[in-house]
Protein backbone atom coordinates (compact mmCIF):
# COMPACT_ATOMS: atom_id res chain seq x y z
CA MET A 1 90.93 -21.85 101.93
CA THR A 2 91.33 -21.48 105.34
CA ILE A 3 91.41 -17.98 106.92
CA ARG A 4 94.87 -18.10 107.74
CA GLU A 5 95.92 -18.75 104.32
CA LEU A 6 93.86 -15.12 103.06
CA VAL A 7 95.86 -13.33 105.77
CA LEU A 8 98.86 -14.23 104.80
CA LYS A 9 98.19 -13.80 100.74
CA ARG A 10 97.46 -10.27 101.83
CA ASN A 11 100.08 -9.34 103.76
CA ARG A 12 102.68 -10.70 101.78
CA PRO A 13 104.23 -7.59 98.97
CA SER A 14 103.27 -8.28 95.34
CA ARG A 15 104.82 -6.24 92.82
CA ALA A 16 103.25 -2.98 92.04
CA ALA A 17 101.16 -2.68 89.09
CA GLY A 18 102.10 0.13 86.46
CA PHE A 19 105.60 0.56 84.51
CA THR A 20 108.82 0.89 85.54
CA LEU A 21 111.01 4.54 85.07
CA ILE A 22 113.06 2.26 82.90
CA GLU A 23 110.00 0.88 80.72
CA ILE A 24 109.03 5.18 80.42
CA LEU A 25 112.37 6.33 79.04
CA LEU A 26 112.55 3.23 76.71
CA VAL A 27 109.42 4.71 75.44
CA ILE A 28 110.29 7.99 75.17
CA VAL A 29 113.49 7.10 73.33
CA ILE A 30 111.97 4.51 70.91
CA ILE A 31 109.02 7.61 70.14
CA LEU A 32 111.98 10.09 69.74
CA LEU A 33 113.86 7.85 66.98
CA LEU A 34 110.68 7.50 64.73
CA ALA A 35 110.40 11.27 64.92
CA GLY A 36 113.88 11.63 63.81
CA ALA A 37 113.49 9.13 61.41
CA LEU A 38 110.26 11.36 59.75
CA VAL A 39 112.25 14.65 60.07
CA VAL A 40 114.99 13.34 57.92
CA PHE A 41 112.61 11.36 55.56
CA VAL A 42 110.16 13.34 55.00
CA LEU A 43 110.91 17.31 55.02
CA PRO A 44 113.03 16.77 51.89
CA GLN A 45 109.93 15.37 50.05
CA GLN A 46 108.11 18.09 51.13
CA GLU A 47 110.47 20.47 49.76
CA GLY A 48 110.34 18.61 45.89
CA ALA A 49 106.72 18.50 46.48
CA GLU A 50 106.45 22.27 46.86
CA LYS A 51 108.71 22.74 44.04
CA ASN A 52 106.98 20.38 41.60
CA THR A 53 103.98 22.69 42.64
CA THR A 54 105.49 25.75 41.85
CA LYS A 55 106.06 24.69 38.41
CA LEU A 56 102.55 23.37 38.13
CA LEU A 57 101.28 26.58 39.09
CA LEU A 58 103.87 28.26 36.63
CA SER A 59 102.32 25.78 33.56
CA ASN A 60 98.99 26.71 34.17
CA LEU A 61 99.36 30.79 34.41
CA ALA A 62 101.39 30.36 30.88
CA SER A 63 98.79 28.37 29.54
CA ALA A 64 96.19 31.07 31.10
CA LEU A 65 98.51 34.03 29.72
CA ASP A 66 98.10 31.90 26.30
CA MET A 67 94.55 31.73 26.07
CA TYR A 68 94.35 35.38 27.28
CA ARG A 69 96.51 36.45 23.97
CA LEU A 70 94.51 34.60 21.80
CA ASN A 71 91.50 36.27 23.11
CA ILE A 72 92.69 40.17 23.56
CA GLY A 73 95.50 39.93 21.18
CA HIS A 74 98.30 41.00 23.60
CA TYR A 75 99.10 39.59 26.55
CA PRO A 76 98.32 41.75 29.82
CA THR A 77 99.78 44.28 30.97
CA GLU A 78 100.90 46.16 33.66
CA GLN A 79 98.01 48.72 33.45
CA GLU A 80 95.44 46.03 33.30
CA GLY A 81 96.39 44.22 36.30
CA GLY A 82 99.30 41.87 35.38
CA LEU A 83 98.29 38.37 35.74
CA LYS A 84 94.94 39.75 37.93
CA ALA A 85 93.50 39.97 34.61
CA LEU A 86 93.41 36.45 34.30
CA LEU A 87 90.77 36.42 36.95
CA THR A 88 88.43 39.46 36.82
CA LYS A 89 87.84 41.40 33.96
CA PRO A 90 90.23 44.70 33.19
CA THR A 91 88.59 48.50 32.43
CA TYR A 92 89.73 48.39 28.98
CA GLU A 93 89.84 52.19 27.28
CA ASN A 94 88.46 50.21 23.43
CA GLU A 95 85.40 48.54 24.07
CA LYS A 96 85.56 46.33 21.59
CA LEU A 97 88.19 44.48 23.66
CA GLY A 98 86.07 44.38 27.00
CA GLU A 99 83.80 42.00 24.49
CA LYS A 100 86.45 40.08 24.02
CA TRP A 101 87.51 38.96 27.10
CA GLN A 102 86.27 35.62 27.82
CA GLY A 103 87.78 35.12 32.04
CA PRO A 104 88.43 34.04 34.16
CA TYR A 105 91.19 32.10 32.77
CA VAL A 106 92.06 30.33 36.13
CA LYS A 107 90.14 28.97 38.07
CA PRO A 108 88.50 31.26 40.12
CA GLY A 109 90.31 31.52 43.89
CA THR A 110 93.40 30.28 42.51
CA LYS A 111 96.27 32.13 44.88
CA MET A 112 98.96 33.63 43.05
CA GLN A 113 101.36 32.55 45.62
CA ASP A 114 104.20 29.92 45.53
CA PRO A 115 103.88 27.53 48.55
CA TRP A 116 106.11 29.81 50.33
CA SER A 117 103.53 32.55 50.12
CA HIS A 118 105.60 34.34 47.64
CA ASP A 119 103.49 36.33 45.01
CA ILE A 120 104.31 35.00 41.63
CA VAL A 121 106.18 37.39 39.51
CA TYR A 122 105.09 38.13 35.78
CA GLU A 123 107.18 40.84 33.99
CA VAL A 124 106.41 41.50 30.31
CA GLU A 125 109.69 41.91 28.54
CA ASP A 126 109.92 45.15 26.26
CA LEU A 127 109.27 44.01 22.75
CA THR A 128 112.01 46.41 21.25
CA VAL A 129 114.62 44.11 22.78
CA ALA A 130 113.30 40.50 21.65
CA ALA A 131 113.07 42.05 18.26
CA GLU A 132 116.70 42.69 18.28
CA ASP A 133 117.26 38.76 19.02
CA LYS A 134 116.10 36.96 16.14
CA THR A 135 117.58 34.04 17.17
CA LYS A 136 115.47 32.97 20.29
CA THR A 137 112.45 32.20 19.99
CA ARG A 138 111.68 33.85 23.68
CA LEU A 139 108.12 34.98 25.54
CA PRO A 140 107.49 38.23 25.69
CA TYR A 141 107.29 38.18 29.39
CA LYS A 142 108.95 37.03 32.41
CA LEU A 143 106.85 34.40 34.78
CA TYR A 144 108.36 32.94 37.84
CA SER A 145 108.50 31.96 41.98
CA VAL A 146 111.19 33.58 43.86
CA GLY A 147 111.53 30.47 45.62
CA PRO A 148 111.97 29.00 49.10
CA ASP A 149 113.94 32.24 49.94
CA GLY A 150 112.23 35.11 48.96
CA GLN A 151 114.74 37.06 47.28
CA PRO A 152 114.58 37.29 43.30
CA ASP A 153 117.46 36.55 40.90
CA THR A 154 119.06 33.13 43.06
CA GLU A 155 119.44 30.31 42.72
CA ASP A 156 116.29 28.31 43.90
CA ASP A 157 114.04 30.78 41.91
CA ILE A 158 111.62 28.92 39.81
CA LYS A 159 111.05 29.90 36.30
CA TYR A 160 109.44 29.16 33.37
CA LEU A 161 110.78 28.91 30.19
CA SER A 162 109.62 28.30 26.86
CA GLU A 163 110.22 25.11 25.05
CA SER A 164 113.33 26.79 23.23
CA ASP A 165 114.45 27.84 26.49
CA ALA A 166 114.40 24.54 28.05
CA GLU A 167 116.35 22.84 25.84
CA THR A 168 119.54 25.66 26.36
CA ASP A 169 118.94 25.64 30.09
CA SER A 170 121.76 23.78 32.13
CA THR A 171 120.41 24.78 35.56
CA GLY A 172 117.17 22.52 35.67
CA THR A 173 114.97 24.82 37.49
CA GLY A 174 112.66 25.57 33.86
CA THR A 175 109.66 24.16 33.95
CA GLN A 176 109.40 22.01 30.89
């Protein structure tokens, strides 16, 4: 090659390396489309997973409550700490009851909260009302999550129902 050919090659304008504005915009549009598809398909799956997780938690707590009742002879009362009595031994007036406690009944570190960070609600039912209604075999307690909205007694509440209640439940919010 001669010197003249080398000089001509250097002076010749060549296409600059890099991306054009249109190529960059096209890549951004593709990324936004993928992100939009991810939101449309993944978020509904996450909501269903949160509800299923809450149903499993309620079922585990109901089993723990049953084990507590088998050992102590009654479900935990408010004075005994409610659901906290499943994790830590309450102080009983009767020492013999304290000796029967075989807990913890749930795995240590278990949070008594739903995936939306709302506390699980445990309410002991009035046994006199349950005795009057002998047609149903209802649980002597209510166990439920207030759901994503955090408001009690709304459609999104997730309730633990006994098997007989689940058969008559038409809303589909039961765990059984």
